[in-house]
Amino acid sequence: YYSEKTWQQNAPKIARLARLEGLEG
């Protein structure tokens, strides 16, 4: 369970890791 604030803090990191693996979706 992520709150909105926790999502805001971590979404860029998660997105970068996903793109590192070539998973744009």
mmCIF file of all heavy atoms, coordinates in Angstrom:
data_MODEL
# 
_entry.id   MODEL 
# 
loop_
_atom_site.group_PDB 
_atom_site.id 
_atom_site.type_symbol 
_atom_site.label_atom_id 
_atom_site.label_alt_id 
_atom_site.label_comp_id 
_atom_site.label_asym_id 
_atom_site.label_entity_id 
_atom_site.label_seq_id 
_atom_site.pdbx_PDB_ins_code 
_atom_site.Cartn_x 
_atom_site.Cartn_y 
_atom_site.Cartn_z 
_atom_site.occupancy 
_atom_site.B_iso_or_equiv 
_atom_site.pdbx_formal_charge 
_atom_site.auth_seq_id 
_atom_site.auth_comp_id 
_atom_site.auth_asym_id 
_atom_site.auth_atom_id 
_atom_site.pdbx_PDB_model_num 
ATOM 1   N N   . TYR A 1 1  ? 0.856  -1.189 0.000   1.00 0.00 ? 1  TYR A N   1 
ATOM 2   C CA  . TYR A 1 1  ? 0.000  0.000  0.000   1.00 0.00 ? 1  TYR A CA  1 
ATOM 3   C C   . TYR A 1 1  ? 0.892  1.239  0.000   1.00 0.00 ? 1  TYR A C   1 
ATOM 4   O O   . TYR A 1 1  ? 1.642  1.462  0.962   1.00 0.00 ? 1  TYR A O   1 
ATOM 5   C CB  . TYR A 1 1  ? -0.935 0.047  1.207   1.00 0.00 ? 1  TYR A CB  1 
ATOM 6   C CG  . TYR A 1 1  ? -1.634 1.392  1.304   1.00 0.00 ? 1  TYR A CG  1 
ATOM 7   C CD1 . TYR A 1 1  ? -2.590 1.759  0.367   1.00 0.00 ? 1  TYR A CD1 1 
ATOM 8   C CD2 . TYR A 1 1  ? -1.276 2.308  2.278   1.00 0.00 ? 1  TYR A CD2 1 
ATOM 9   C CE1 . TYR A 1 1  ? -3.191 3.000  0.406   1.00 0.00 ? 1  TYR A CE1 1 
ATOM 10  C CE2 . TYR A 1 1  ? -1.869 3.567  2.333   1.00 0.00 ? 1  TYR A CE2 1 
ATOM 11  C CZ  . TYR A 1 1  ? -2.827 3.901  1.394   1.00 0.00 ? 1  TYR A CZ  1 
ATOM 12  O OH  . TYR A 1 1  ? -3.409 5.138  1.426   1.00 0.00 ? 1  TYR A OH  1 
ATOM 13  N N   . TYR A 1 2  ? 0.842  2.024  -1.073  1.00 0.00 ? 2  TYR A N   1 
ATOM 14  C CA  . TYR A 1 2  ? 1.578  3.284  -1.172  1.00 0.00 ? 2  TYR A CA  1 
ATOM 15  C C   . TYR A 1 2  ? 0.586  4.446  -1.085  1.00 0.00 ? 2  TYR A C   1 
ATOM 16  O O   . TYR A 1 2  ? -0.418 4.460  -1.810  1.00 0.00 ? 2  TYR A O   1 
ATOM 17  C CB  . TYR A 1 2  ? 2.313  3.374  -2.517  1.00 0.00 ? 2  TYR A CB  1 
ATOM 18  C CG  . TYR A 1 2  ? 3.781  2.981  -2.475  1.00 0.00 ? 2  TYR A CG  1 
ATOM 19  C CD1 . TYR A 1 2  ? 4.271  2.143  -1.490  1.00 0.00 ? 2  TYR A CD1 1 
ATOM 20  C CD2 . TYR A 1 2  ? 4.667  3.450  -3.439  1.00 0.00 ? 2  TYR A CD2 1 
ATOM 21  C CE1 . TYR A 1 2  ? 5.611  1.778  -1.467  1.00 0.00 ? 2  TYR A CE1 1 
ATOM 22  C CE2 . TYR A 1 2  ? 6.011  3.093  -3.425  1.00 0.00 ? 2  TYR A CE2 1 
ATOM 23  C CZ  . TYR A 1 2  ? 6.477  2.257  -2.434  1.00 0.00 ? 2  TYR A CZ  1 
ATOM 24  O OH  . TYR A 1 2  ? 7.795  1.902  -2.415  1.00 0.00 ? 2  TYR A OH  1 
ATOM 25  N N   . SER A 1 3  ? 0.887  5.398  -0.229  1.00 0.00 ? 3  SER A N   1 
ATOM 26  C CA  . SER A 1 3  ? 0.123  6.649  -0.214  1.00 0.00 ? 3  SER A CA  1 
ATOM 27  C C   . SER A 1 3  ? 0.545  7.502  -1.408  1.00 0.00 ? 3  SER A C   1 
ATOM 28  O O   . SER A 1 3  ? 1.549  7.225  -2.072  1.00 0.00 ? 3  SER A O   1 
ATOM 29  C CB  . SER A 1 3  ? 0.390  7.412  1.082   1.00 0.00 ? 3  SER A CB  1 
ATOM 30  O OG  . SER A 1 3  ? 1.738  7.864  1.097   1.00 0.00 ? 3  SER A OG  1 
ATOM 31  N N   . GLU A 1 4  ? -0.201 8.577  -1.661  1.00 0.00 ? 4  GLU A N   1 
ATOM 32  C CA  . GLU A 1 4  ? 0.143  9.452  -2.779  1.00 0.00 ? 4  GLU A CA  1 
ATOM 33  C C   . GLU A 1 4  ? 1.528  10.056 -2.594  1.00 0.00 ? 4  GLU A C   1 
ATOM 34  O O   . GLU A 1 4  ? 2.318  10.142 -3.537  1.00 0.00 ? 4  GLU A O   1 
ATOM 35  C CB  . GLU A 1 4  ? -0.898 10.572 -2.932  1.00 0.00 ? 4  GLU A CB  1 
ATOM 36  C CG  . GLU A 1 4  ? -0.611 11.491 -4.116  1.00 0.00 ? 4  GLU A CG  1 
ATOM 37  C CD  . GLU A 1 4  ? -1.661 12.578 -4.286  1.00 0.00 ? 4  GLU A CD  1 
ATOM 38  O OE1 . GLU A 1 4  ? -2.635 12.577 -3.509  1.00 0.00 ? 4  GLU A OE1 1 
ATOM 39  O OE2 . GLU A 1 4  ? -1.495 13.418 -5.189  1.00 0.00 ? 4  GLU A OE2 1 
ATOM 40  N N   . LYS A 1 5  ? 1.843  10.464 -1.373  1.00 0.00 ? 5  LYS A N   1 
ATOM 41  C CA  . LYS A 1 5  ? 3.136  11.106 -1.134  1.00 0.00 ? 5  LYS A CA  1 
ATOM 42  C C   . LYS A 1 5  ? 4.286  10.125 -1.363  1.00 0.00 ? 5  LYS A C   1 
ATOM 43  O O   . LYS A 1 5  ? 5.311  10.481 -1.972  1.00 0.00 ? 5  LYS A O   1 
ATOM 44  C CB  . LYS A 1 5  ? 3.193  11.674 0.284   1.00 0.00 ? 5  LYS A CB  1 
ATOM 45  C CG  . LYS A 1 5  ? 4.463  12.454 0.557   1.00 0.00 ? 5  LYS A CG  1 
ATOM 46  C CD  . LYS A 1 5  ? 4.419  13.119 1.919   1.00 0.00 ? 5  LYS A CD  1 
ATOM 47  C CE  . LYS A 1 5  ? 5.692  13.940 2.173   1.00 0.00 ? 5  LYS A CE  1 
ATOM 48  N NZ  . LYS A 1 5  ? 5.660  14.609 3.506   1.00 0.00 ? 5  LYS A NZ  1 
ATOM 49  N N   . THR A 1 6  ? 4.113  8.888  -0.881  1.00 0.00 ? 6  THR A N   1 
ATOM 50  C CA  . THR A 1 6  ? 5.150  7.881  -1.085  1.00 0.00 ? 6  THR A CA  1 
ATOM 51  C C   . THR A 1 6  ? 5.304  7.580  -2.568  1.00 0.00 ? 6  THR A C   1 
ATOM 52  O O   . THR A 1 6  ? 6.419  7.402  -3.075  1.00 0.00 ? 6  THR A O   1 
ATOM 53  C CB  . THR A 1 6  ? 4.807  6.598  -0.311  1.00 0.00 ? 6  THR A CB  1 
ATOM 54  O OG1 . THR A 1 6  ? 4.654  6.908  1.079   1.00 0.00 ? 6  THR A OG1 1 
ATOM 55  C CG2 . THR A 1 6  ? 5.898  5.545  -0.462  1.00 0.00 ? 6  THR A CG2 1 
ATOM 56  N N   . TRP A 1 7  ? 4.174  7.548  -3.296  1.00 0.00 ? 7  TRP A N   1 
ATOM 57  C CA  . TRP A 1 7  ? 4.245  7.362  -4.750  1.00 0.00 ? 7  TRP A CA  1 
ATOM 58  C C   . TRP A 1 7  ? 5.036  8.499  -5.401  1.00 0.00 ? 7  TRP A C   1 
ATOM 59  O O   . TRP A 1 7  ? 5.900  8.263  -6.243  1.00 0.00 ? 7  TRP A O   1 
ATOM 60  C CB  . TRP A 1 7  ? 2.825  7.310  -5.326  1.00 0.00 ? 7  TRP A CB  1 
ATOM 61  C CG  . TRP A 1 7  ? 2.827  7.386  -6.819  1.00 0.00 ? 7  TRP A CG  1 
ATOM 62  C CD1 . TRP A 1 7  ? 3.004  6.357  -7.689  1.00 0.00 ? 7  TRP A CD1 1 
ATOM 63  C CD2 . TRP A 1 7  ? 2.707  8.566  -7.606  1.00 0.00 ? 7  TRP A CD2 1 
ATOM 64  N NE1 . TRP A 1 7  ? 2.996  6.813  -8.987  1.00 0.00 ? 7  TRP A NE1 1 
ATOM 65  C CE2 . TRP A 1 7  ? 2.816  8.175  -8.966  1.00 0.00 ? 7  TRP A CE2 1 
ATOM 66  C CE3 . TRP A 1 7  ? 2.526  9.918  -7.313  1.00 0.00 ? 7  TRP A CE3 1 
ATOM 67  C CZ2 . TRP A 1 7  ? 2.741  9.084  -10.012 1.00 0.00 ? 7  TRP A CZ2 1 
ATOM 68  C CZ3 . TRP A 1 7  ? 2.449  10.823 -8.353  1.00 0.00 ? 7  TRP A CZ3 1 
ATOM 69  C CH2 . TRP A 1 7  ? 2.550  10.412 -9.693  1.00 0.00 ? 7  TRP A CH2 1 
ATOM 70  N N   . GLN A 1 8  ? 4.739  9.732  -5.005  1.00 0.00 ? 8  GLN A N   1 
ATOM 71  C CA  . GLN A 1 8  ? 5.422  10.885 -5.607  1.00 0.00 ? 8  GLN A CA  1 
ATOM 72  C C   . GLN A 1 8  ? 6.928  10.804 -5.399  1.00 0.00 ? 8  GLN A C   1 
ATOM 73  O O   . GLN A 1 8  ? 7.718  11.139 -6.280  1.00 0.00 ? 8  GLN A O   1 
ATOM 74  C CB  . GLN A 1 8  ? 4.877  12.185 -5.014  1.00 0.00 ? 8  GLN A CB  1 
ATOM 75  C CG  . GLN A 1 8  ? 3.472  12.540 -5.470  1.00 0.00 ? 8  GLN A CG  1 
ATOM 76  C CD  . GLN A 1 8  ? 2.910  13.740 -4.735  1.00 0.00 ? 8  GLN A CD  1 
ATOM 77  O OE1 . GLN A 1 8  ? 3.381  14.096 -3.655  1.00 0.00 ? 8  GLN A OE1 1 
ATOM 78  N NE2 . GLN A 1 8  ? 1.894  14.381 -5.327  1.00 0.00 ? 8  GLN A NE2 1 
ATOM 79  N N   . GLN A 1 9  ? 7.336  10.352 -4.228  1.00 0.00 ? 9  GLN A N   1 
ATOM 80  C CA  . GLN A 1 9  ? 8.757  10.276 -3.908  1.00 0.00 ? 9  GLN A CA  1 
ATOM 81  C C   . GLN A 1 9  ? 9.466  9.183  -4.713  1.00 0.00 ? 9  GLN A C   1 
ATOM 82  O O   . GLN A 1 9  ? 10.660 9.295  -5.021  1.00 0.00 ? 9  GLN A O   1 
ATOM 83  C CB  . GLN A 1 9  ? 8.943  10.007 -2.407  1.00 0.00 ? 9  GLN A CB  1 
ATOM 84  C CG  . GLN A 1 9  ? 8.523  11.178 -1.526  1.00 0.00 ? 9  GLN A CG  1 
ATOM 85  C CD  . GLN A 1 9  ? 8.529  10.789 -0.051  1.00 0.00 ? 9  GLN A CD  1 
ATOM 86  O OE1 . GLN A 1 9  ? 8.520  9.606  0.287   1.00 0.00 ? 9  GLN A OE1 1 
ATOM 87  N NE2 . GLN A 1 9  ? 8.545  11.796 0.822   1.00 0.00 ? 9  GLN A NE2 1 
ATOM 88  N N   . ASN A 1 10 ? 8.734  8.143  -5.074  1.00 0.00 ? 10 ASN A N   1 
ATOM 89  C CA  . ASN A 1 10 ? 9.391  6.951  -5.635  1.00 0.00 ? 10 ASN A CA  1 
ATOM 90  C C   . ASN A 1 10 ? 9.060  6.663  -7.090  1.00 0.00 ? 10 ASN A C   1 
ATOM 91  O O   . ASN A 1 10 ? 9.766  5.877  -7.744  1.00 0.00 ? 10 ASN A O   1 
ATOM 92  C CB  . ASN A 1 10 ? 9.040  5.725  -4.787  1.00 0.00 ? 10 ASN A CB  1 
ATOM 93  C CG  . ASN A 1 10 ? 9.624  5.828  -3.398  1.00 0.00 ? 10 ASN A CG  1 
ATOM 94  O OD1 . ASN A 1 10 ? 10.836 5.811  -3.231  1.00 0.00 ? 10 ASN A OD1 1 
ATOM 95  N ND2 . ASN A 1 10 ? 8.767  5.937  -2.391  1.00 0.00 ? 10 ASN A ND2 1 
ATOM 96  N N   . ALA A 1 11 ? 8.020  7.278  -7.623  1.00 0.00 ? 11 ALA A N   1 
ATOM 97  C CA  . ALA A 1 11 ? 7.622  6.973  -9.004  1.00 0.00 ? 11 ALA A CA  1 
ATOM 98  C C   . ALA A 1 11 ? 8.754  7.201  -10.004 1.00 0.00 ? 11 ALA A C   1 
ATOM 99  O O   . ALA A 1 11 ? 8.972  6.362  -10.905 1.00 0.00 ? 11 ALA A O   1 
ATOM 100 C CB  . ALA A 1 11 ? 6.383  7.783  -9.380  1.00 0.00 ? 11 ALA A CB  1 
ATOM 101 N N   . PRO A 1 12 ? 9.495  8.308  -9.929  1.00 0.00 ? 12 PRO A N   1 
ATOM 102 C CA  . PRO A 1 12 ? 10.587 8.489  -10.903 1.00 0.00 ? 12 PRO A CA  1 
ATOM 103 C C   . PRO A 1 12 ? 11.637 7.384  -10.835 1.00 0.00 ? 12 PRO A C   1 
ATOM 104 O O   . PRO A 1 12 ? 12.182 6.965  -11.864 1.00 0.00 ? 12 PRO A O   1 
ATOM 105 C CB  . PRO A 1 12 ? 11.175 9.855  -10.517 1.00 0.00 ? 12 PRO A CB  1 
ATOM 106 C CG  . PRO A 1 12 ? 10.074 10.559 -9.791  1.00 0.00 ? 12 PRO A CG  1 
ATOM 107 C CD  . PRO A 1 12 ? 9.351  9.489  -9.048  1.00 0.00 ? 12 PRO A CD  1 
ATOM 108 N N   . LYS A 1 13 ? 11.923 6.916  -9.639  1.00 0.00 ? 13 LYS A N   1 
ATOM 109 C CA  . LYS A 1 13 ? 12.925 5.859  -9.472  1.00 0.00 ? 13 LYS A CA  1 
ATOM 110 C C   . LYS A 1 13 ? 12.424 4.562  -10.105 1.00 0.00 ? 13 LYS A C   1 
ATOM 111 O O   . LYS A 1 13 ? 13.174 3.851  -10.798 1.00 0.00 ? 13 LYS A O   1 
ATOM 112 C CB  . LYS A 1 13 ? 13.212 5.630  -7.990  1.00 0.00 ? 13 LYS A CB  1 
ATOM 113 C CG  . LYS A 1 13 ? 13.600 6.891  -7.231  1.00 0.00 ? 13 LYS A CG  1 
ATOM 114 C CD  . LYS A 1 13 ? 13.576 6.643  -5.722  1.00 0.00 ? 13 LYS A CD  1 
ATOM 115 C CE  . LYS A 1 13 ? 13.683 7.962  -4.951  1.00 0.00 ? 13 LYS A CE  1 
ATOM 116 N NZ  . LYS A 1 13 ? 13.541 7.761  -3.495  1.00 0.00 ? 13 LYS A NZ  1 
ATOM 117 N N   . ILE A 1 14 ? 11.141 4.261  -9.852  1.00 0.00 ? 14 ILE A N   1 
ATOM 118 C CA  . ILE A 1 14 ? 10.557 3.032  -10.394 1.00 0.00 ? 14 ILE A CA  1 
ATOM 119 C C   . ILE A 1 14 ? 10.524 3.092  -11.918 1.00 0.00 ? 14 ILE A C   1 
ATOM 120 O O   . ILE A 1 14 ? 10.861 2.118  -12.607 1.00 0.00 ? 14 ILE A O   1 
ATOM 121 C CB  . ILE A 1 14 ? 9.143  2.818  -9.820  1.00 0.00 ? 14 ILE A CB  1 
ATOM 122 C CG1 . ILE A 1 14 ? 9.219  2.680  -8.287  1.00 0.00 ? 14 ILE A CG1 1 
ATOM 123 C CG2 . ILE A 1 14 ? 8.487  1.577  -10.426 1.00 0.00 ? 14 ILE A CG2 1 
ATOM 124 C CD1 . ILE A 1 14 ? 7.879  2.795  -7.600  1.00 0.00 ? 14 ILE A CD1 1 
ATOM 125 N N   . ALA A 1 15 ? 10.148 4.250  -12.448 1.00 0.00 ? 15 ALA A N   1 
ATOM 126 C CA  . ALA A 1 15 ? 10.080 4.403  -13.905 1.00 0.00 ? 15 ALA A CA  1 
ATOM 127 C C   . ALA A 1 15 ? 11.457 4.244  -14.537 1.00 0.00 ? 15 ALA A C   1 
ATOM 128 O O   . ALA A 1 15 ? 11.610 3.623  -15.605 1.00 0.00 ? 15 ALA A O   1 
ATOM 129 C CB  . ALA A 1 15 ? 9.479  5.762  -14.250 1.00 0.00 ? 15 ALA A CB  1 
ATOM 130 N N   . ARG A 1 16 ? 12.469 4.805  -13.895 1.00 0.00 ? 16 ARG A N   1 
ATOM 131 C CA  . ARG A 1 16 ? 13.833 4.671  -14.443 1.00 0.00 ? 16 ARG A CA  1 
ATOM 132 C C   . ARG A 1 16 ? 14.272 3.202  -14.458 1.00 0.00 ? 16 ARG A C   1 
ATOM 133 O O   . ARG A 1 16 ? 14.886 2.725  -15.426 1.00 0.00 ? 16 ARG A O   1 
ATOM 134 C CB  . ARG A 1 16 ? 14.814 5.520  -13.623 1.00 0.00 ? 16 ARG A CB  1 
ATOM 135 C CG  . ARG A 1 16 ? 14.721 7.018  -13.896 1.00 0.00 ? 16 ARG A CG  1 
ATOM 136 C CD  . ARG A 1 16 ? 15.918 7.755  -13.334 1.00 0.00 ? 16 ARG A CD  1 
ATOM 137 N NE  . ARG A 1 16 ? 15.984 7.698  -11.877 1.00 0.00 ? 16 ARG A NE  1 
ATOM 138 C CZ  . ARG A 1 16 ? 15.436 8.611  -11.060 1.00 0.00 ? 16 ARG A CZ  1 
ATOM 139 N NH1 . ARG A 1 16 ? 14.758 9.641  -11.562 1.00 0.00 ? 16 ARG A NH1 1 
ATOM 140 N NH2 . ARG A 1 16 ? 15.567 8.498  -9.762  1.00 0.00 ? 16 ARG A NH2 1 
ATOM 141 N N   . LEU A 1 17 ? 13.967 2.480  -13.395 1.00 0.00 ? 17 LEU A N   1 
ATOM 142 C CA  . LEU A 1 17 ? 14.330 1.058  -13.334 1.00 0.00 ? 17 LEU A CA  1 
ATOM 143 C C   . LEU A 1 17 ? 13.585 0.265  -14.399 1.00 0.00 ? 17 LEU A C   1 
ATOM 144 O O   . LEU A 1 17 ? 14.149 -0.654 -15.019 1.00 0.00 ? 17 LEU A O   1 
ATOM 145 C CB  . LEU A 1 17 ? 14.034 0.502  -11.942 1.00 0.00 ? 17 LEU A CB  1 
ATOM 146 C CG  . LEU A 1 17 ? 14.931 1.028  -10.811 1.00 0.00 ? 17 LEU A CG  1 
ATOM 147 C CD1 . LEU A 1 17 ? 14.435 0.542  -9.459  1.00 0.00 ? 17 LEU A CD1 1 
ATOM 148 C CD2 . LEU A 1 17 ? 16.378 0.589  -11.024 1.00 0.00 ? 17 LEU A CD2 1 
ATOM 149 N N   . ALA A 1 18 ? 12.311 0.594  -14.632 1.00 0.00 ? 18 ALA A N   1 
ATOM 150 C CA  . ALA A 1 18 ? 11.541 -0.104 -15.654 1.00 0.00 ? 18 ALA A CA  1 
ATOM 151 C C   . ALA A 1 18 ? 12.149 0.133  -17.035 1.00 0.00 ? 18 ALA A C   1 
ATOM 152 O O   . ALA A 1 18 ? 12.282 -0.794 -17.851 1.00 0.00 ? 18 ALA A O   1 
ATOM 153 C CB  . ALA A 1 18 ? 10.089 0.357  -15.626 1.00 0.00 ? 18 ALA A CB  1 
ATOM 154 N N   . ARG A 1 19 ? 12.523 1.387  -17.307 1.00 0.00 ? 19 ARG A N   1 
ATOM 155 C CA  . ARG A 1 19 ? 13.106 1.683  -18.619 1.00 0.00 ? 19 ARG A CA  1 
ATOM 156 C C   . ARG A 1 19 ? 14.483 1.058  -18.774 1.00 0.00 ? 19 ARG A C   1 
ATOM 157 O O   . ARG A 1 19 ? 14.904 0.725  -19.889 1.00 0.00 ? 19 ARG A O   1 
ATOM 158 C CB  . ARG A 1 19 ? 13.148 3.194  -18.814 1.00 0.00 ? 19 ARG A CB  1 
ATOM 159 C CG  . ARG A 1 19 ? 11.747 3.792  -18.979 1.00 0.00 ? 19 ARG A CG  1 
ATOM 160 C CD  . ARG A 1 19 ? 11.737 5.262  -19.315 1.00 0.00 ? 19 ARG A CD  1 
ATOM 161 N NE  . ARG A 1 19 ? 10.365 5.689  -19.594 1.00 0.00 ? 19 ARG A NE  1 
ATOM 162 C CZ  . ARG A 1 19 ? 9.645  6.489  -18.802 1.00 0.00 ? 19 ARG A CZ  1 
ATOM 163 N NH1 . ARG A 1 19 ? 10.173 6.967  -17.677 1.00 0.00 ? 19 ARG A NH1 1 
ATOM 164 N NH2 . ARG A 1 19 ? 8.404  6.811  -19.130 1.00 0.00 ? 19 ARG A NH2 1 
ATOM 165 N N   . LEU A 1 20 ? 15.190 0.895  -17.667 1.00 0.00 ? 20 LEU A N   1 
ATOM 166 C CA  . LEU A 1 20 ? 16.472 0.189  -17.709 1.00 0.00 ? 20 LEU A CA  1 
ATOM 167 C C   . LEU A 1 20 ? 16.298 -1.216 -18.270 1.00 0.00 ? 20 LEU A C   1 
ATOM 168 O O   . LEU A 1 20 ? 17.169 -1.738 -18.978 1.00 0.00 ? 20 LEU A O   1 
ATOM 169 C CB  . LEU A 1 20 ? 17.082 0.133  -16.306 1.00 0.00 ? 20 LEU A CB  1 
ATOM 170 C CG  . LEU A 1 20 ? 18.363 -0.690 -16.132 1.00 0.00 ? 20 LEU A CG  1 
ATOM 171 C CD1 . LEU A 1 20 ? 19.511 -0.050 -16.911 1.00 0.00 ? 20 LEU A CD1 1 
ATOM 172 C CD2 . LEU A 1 20 ? 18.724 -0.812 -14.648 1.00 0.00 ? 20 LEU A CD2 1 
ATOM 173 N N   . GLU A 1 21 ? 15.155 -1.811 -17.980 1.00 0.00 ? 21 GLU A N   1 
ATOM 174 C CA  . GLU A 1 21 ? 14.874 -3.165 -18.462 1.00 0.00 ? 21 GLU A CA  1 
ATOM 175 C C   . GLU A 1 21 ? 14.091 -3.157 -19.771 1.00 0.00 ? 21 GLU A C   1 
ATOM 176 O O   . GLU A 1 21 ? 13.645 -4.208 -20.241 1.00 0.00 ? 21 GLU A O   1 
ATOM 177 C CB  . GLU A 1 21 ? 14.110 -3.948 -17.387 1.00 0.00 ? 21 GLU A CB  1 
ATOM 178 C CG  . GLU A 1 21 ? 14.941 -4.164 -16.134 1.00 0.00 ? 21 GLU A CG  1 
ATOM 179 C CD  . GLU A 1 21 ? 14.292 -5.114 -15.151 1.00 0.00 ? 21 GLU A CD  1 
ATOM 180 O OE1 . GLU A 1 21 ? 13.098 -5.440 -15.325 1.00 0.00 ? 21 GLU A OE1 1 
ATOM 181 O OE2 . GLU A 1 21 ? 14.986 -5.551 -14.217 1.00 0.00 ? 21 GLU A OE2 1 
ATOM 182 N N   . GLY A 1 22 ? 13.889 -1.962 -20.359 1.00 0.00 ? 22 GLY A N   1 
ATOM 183 C CA  . GLY A 1 22 ? 13.212 -1.883 -21.641 1.00 0.00 ? 22 GLY A CA  1 
ATOM 184 C C   . GLY A 1 22 ? 11.715 -2.083 -21.572 1.00 0.00 ? 22 GLY A C   1 
ATOM 185 O O   . GLY A 1 22 ? 11.090 -2.472 -22.569 1.00 0.00 ? 22 GLY A O   1 
ATOM 186 N N   . LEU A 1 23 ? 11.120 -1.838 -20.400 1.00 0.00 ? 23 LEU A N   1 
ATOM 187 C CA  . LEU A 1 23 ? 9.694  -2.071 -20.215 1.00 0.00 ? 23 LEU A CA  1 
ATOM 188 C C   . LEU A 1 23 ? 8.981  -0.732 -20.041 1.00 0.00 ? 23 LEU A C   1 
ATOM 189 O O   . LEU A 1 23 ? 8.668  -0.293 -18.927 1.00 0.00 ? 23 LEU A O   1 
ATOM 190 C CB  . LEU A 1 23 ? 9.463  -2.996 -19.014 1.00 0.00 ? 23 LEU A CB  1 
ATOM 191 C CG  . LEU A 1 23 ? 10.075 -4.396 -19.182 1.00 0.00 ? 23 LEU A CG  1 
ATOM 192 C CD1 . LEU A 1 23 ? 9.965  -5.187 -17.901 1.00 0.00 ? 23 LEU A CD1 1 
ATOM 193 C CD2 . LEU A 1 23 ? 9.417  -5.133 -20.343 1.00 0.00 ? 23 LEU A CD2 1 
ATOM 194 N N   . GLU A 1 24 ? 8.728  -0.061 -21.175 1.00 0.00 ? 24 GLU A N   1 
ATOM 195 C CA  . GLU A 1 24 ? 8.124  1.265  -21.159 1.00 0.00 ? 24 GLU A CA  1 
ATOM 196 C C   . GLU A 1 24 ? 6.723  1.248  -20.560 1.00 0.00 ? 24 GLU A C   1 
ATOM 197 O O   . GLU A 1 24 ? 6.316  2.188  -19.870 1.00 0.00 ? 24 GLU A O   1 
ATOM 198 C CB  . GLU A 1 24 ? 8.062  1.810  -22.599 1.00 0.00 ? 24 GLU A CB  1 
ATOM 199 C CG  . GLU A 1 24 ? 7.449  3.193  -22.722 1.00 0.00 ? 24 GLU A CG  1 
ATOM 200 C CD  . GLU A 1 24 ? 8.252  4.274  -22.011 1.00 0.00 ? 24 GLU A CD  1 
ATOM 201 O OE1 . GLU A 1 24 ? 9.482  4.067  -21.807 1.00 0.00 ? 24 GLU A OE1 1 
ATOM 202 O OE2 . GLU A 1 24 ? 7.661  5.310  -21.665 1.00 0.00 ? 24 GLU A OE2 1 
ATOM 203 N N   . GLY A 1 25 ? 5.997  0.122  -20.795 1.00 0.00 ? 25 GLY A N   1 
ATOM 204 C CA  . GLY A 1 25 ? 4.650  0.021  -20.240 1.00 0.00 ? 25 GLY A CA  1 
ATOM 205 C C   . GLY A 1 25 ? 4.650  0.066  -18.728 1.00 0.00 ? 25 GLY A C   1 
ATOM 206 O O   . GLY A 1 25 ? 3.759  0.655  -18.106 1.00 0.00 ? 25 GLY A O   1 
# 
